[in-house]
Amino acid sequence: MTASASPLVNKATAVETRGMATMSAGGALTKIAGEHPHLDVLRYEHKNMKFTLKHIEYFSEALAIGLLENGLQPGDAVLSWLPDHFSEQLVLQFACSKAGFVLYTLD
């Protein structure tokens, strides 16, 4: 059997042609916030608060920089005990994506 007829080579070729994700969620947020900065993405009626893409981008970038400046390295694990419905949890998710951290959440 030749190398080109091998099933393993064919699978590898199929994976190579499919492509990989080249942008993180944090990168996507930066791109979208640049295109639509005033789009409301999060609203808390009971708190009379709303966040635009620009707000989420600003706060997640600031948090990512702060965590990096305080010694965390890309690949480090971050554990969050914040409830999923808190705005801070959303900001933390994007900050971890921007800085390359692995985010774990407790239920």
Protein backbone atom coordinates (compact mmCIF):
# COMPACT_ATOMS: atom_id res chain seq x y z
CA MET A 1 0.00 0.00 0.00
CA THR A 2 1.39 3.40 -0.91
CA ALA A 3 1.37 6.38 1.43
CA SER A 4 -1.27 8.19 -0.63
CA ALA A 5 -3.63 5.21 -0.39
CA SER A 6 -3.27 4.96 3.39
CA PRO A 7 -6.47 5.84 5.30
CA LEU A 8 -4.42 7.75 7.89
CA VAL A 9 -2.97 10.08 5.28
CA ASN A 10 -6.42 10.72 3.81
CA LYS A 11 -7.80 11.65 7.26
CA ALA A 12 -4.89 14.00 7.90
CA THR A 13 -5.45 15.67 4.54
CA ALA A 14 -9.15 16.12 5.29
CA VAL A 15 -8.33 17.78 8.62
CA GLU A 16 -5.80 20.11 7.02
CA THR A 17 -8.24 21.34 4.38
CA ARG A 18 -11.00 22.02 6.91
CA GLY A 19 -9.08 24.75 8.70
CA MET A 20 -8.78 25.73 12.33
CA ALA A 21 -10.32 28.56 14.31
CA THR A 22 -8.01 31.54 14.05
CA MET A 23 -9.80 33.96 16.36
CA SER A 24 -10.59 33.67 20.05
CA ALA A 25 -13.83 34.88 21.60
CA GLY A 26 -11.91 37.87 22.94
CA GLY A 27 -10.60 38.63 19.47
CA ALA A 28 -14.08 38.35 18.02
CA LEU A 29 -15.40 40.74 20.69
CA THR A 30 -12.72 43.30 19.80
CA LYS A 31 -13.61 43.05 16.11
CA ILE A 32 -17.36 43.28 16.62
CA ALA A 33 -17.04 46.09 19.20
CA GLY A 34 -15.05 48.07 16.65
CA GLU A 35 -17.79 47.62 14.06
CA HIS A 36 -20.82 48.17 16.36
CA PRO A 37 -19.63 49.87 19.57
CA HIS A 38 -23.04 51.17 20.69
CA LEU A 39 -25.00 47.95 20.26
CA ASP A 40 -26.68 46.94 23.53
CA VAL A 41 -25.72 43.40 24.45
CA LEU A 42 -26.58 43.12 28.12
CA ARG A 43 -29.43 44.74 30.02
CA TYR A 44 -30.50 44.53 33.66
CA GLU A 45 -33.91 46.16 33.96
CA HIS A 46 -34.09 45.69 37.74
CA LYS A 47 -30.71 47.47 38.17
CA ASN A 48 -31.39 50.08 35.48
CA MET A 49 -28.10 49.11 33.78
CA LYS A 50 -27.16 48.30 30.23
CA PHE A 51 -23.87 47.40 28.60
CA THR A 52 -22.87 48.00 25.00
CA LEU A 53 -20.22 46.08 23.10
CA LYS A 54 -17.87 48.98 23.82
CA HIS A 55 -18.43 48.59 27.58
CA ILE A 56 -17.86 44.82 27.55
CA GLU A 57 -14.73 45.27 25.40
CA TYR A 58 -13.34 47.99 27.70
CA PHE A 59 -13.94 46.11 30.95
CA SER A 60 -12.72 42.75 29.66
CA GLU A 61 -9.56 44.32 28.19
CA ALA A 62 -8.85 46.13 31.49
CA LEU A 63 -9.38 42.95 33.51
CA ALA A 64 -7.17 40.89 31.19
CA ILE A 65 -4.36 43.46 31.43
CA GLY A 66 -4.73 43.65 35.21
CA LEU A 67 -4.52 39.88 35.62
CA LEU A 68 -1.46 39.69 33.37
CA GLU A 69 0.24 42.55 35.22
CA ASN A 70 -0.37 40.74 38.51
CA GLY A 71 1.59 37.69 37.40
CA LEU A 72 -0.85 35.36 35.67
CA GLN A 73 0.50 33.78 32.50
CA PRO A 74 -1.35 32.57 29.39
CA GLY A 75 -2.42 29.00 30.04
CA ASP A 76 -3.00 29.59 33.78
CA ALA A 77 -6.30 28.45 35.27
CA VAL A 78 -8.78 30.96 36.66
CA LEU A 79 -11.55 29.72 38.94
CA SER A 80 -14.77 31.72 39.14
CA TRP A 81 -17.52 31.35 41.69
CA LEU A 82 -19.66 34.07 40.11
CA PRO A 83 -23.18 33.12 39.05
CA ASP A 84 -23.64 32.91 35.28
CA HIS A 85 -26.20 35.73 35.22
CA PHE A 86 -23.79 38.35 36.65
CA SER A 87 -22.32 40.84 34.21
CA GLU A 88 -18.94 40.35 35.87
CA GLN A 89 -18.97 36.69 34.80
CA LEU A 90 -19.43 37.70 31.16
CA VAL A 91 -16.56 40.20 31.43
CA LEU A 92 -14.37 37.56 33.09
CA GLN A 93 -15.09 35.07 30.29
CA PHE A 94 -13.94 37.52 27.62
CA ALA A 95 -10.96 38.65 29.70
CA CYS A 96 -9.76 35.07 30.07
CA SER A 97 -10.16 34.53 26.35
CA LYS A 98 -8.18 37.68 25.56
CA ALA A 99 -5.33 36.77 27.91
CA GLY A 100 -5.24 33.07 27.07
CA PHE A 101 -6.36 31.83 30.49
CA VAL A 102 -8.37 28.68 31.10
CA LEU A 103 -11.59 29.59 32.93
CA TYR A 104 -13.31 27.16 35.29
CA THR A 105 -16.61 27.98 36.97
CA LEU A 106 -18.13 26.48 40.10
CA ASP A 107 -21.82 25.73 40.19
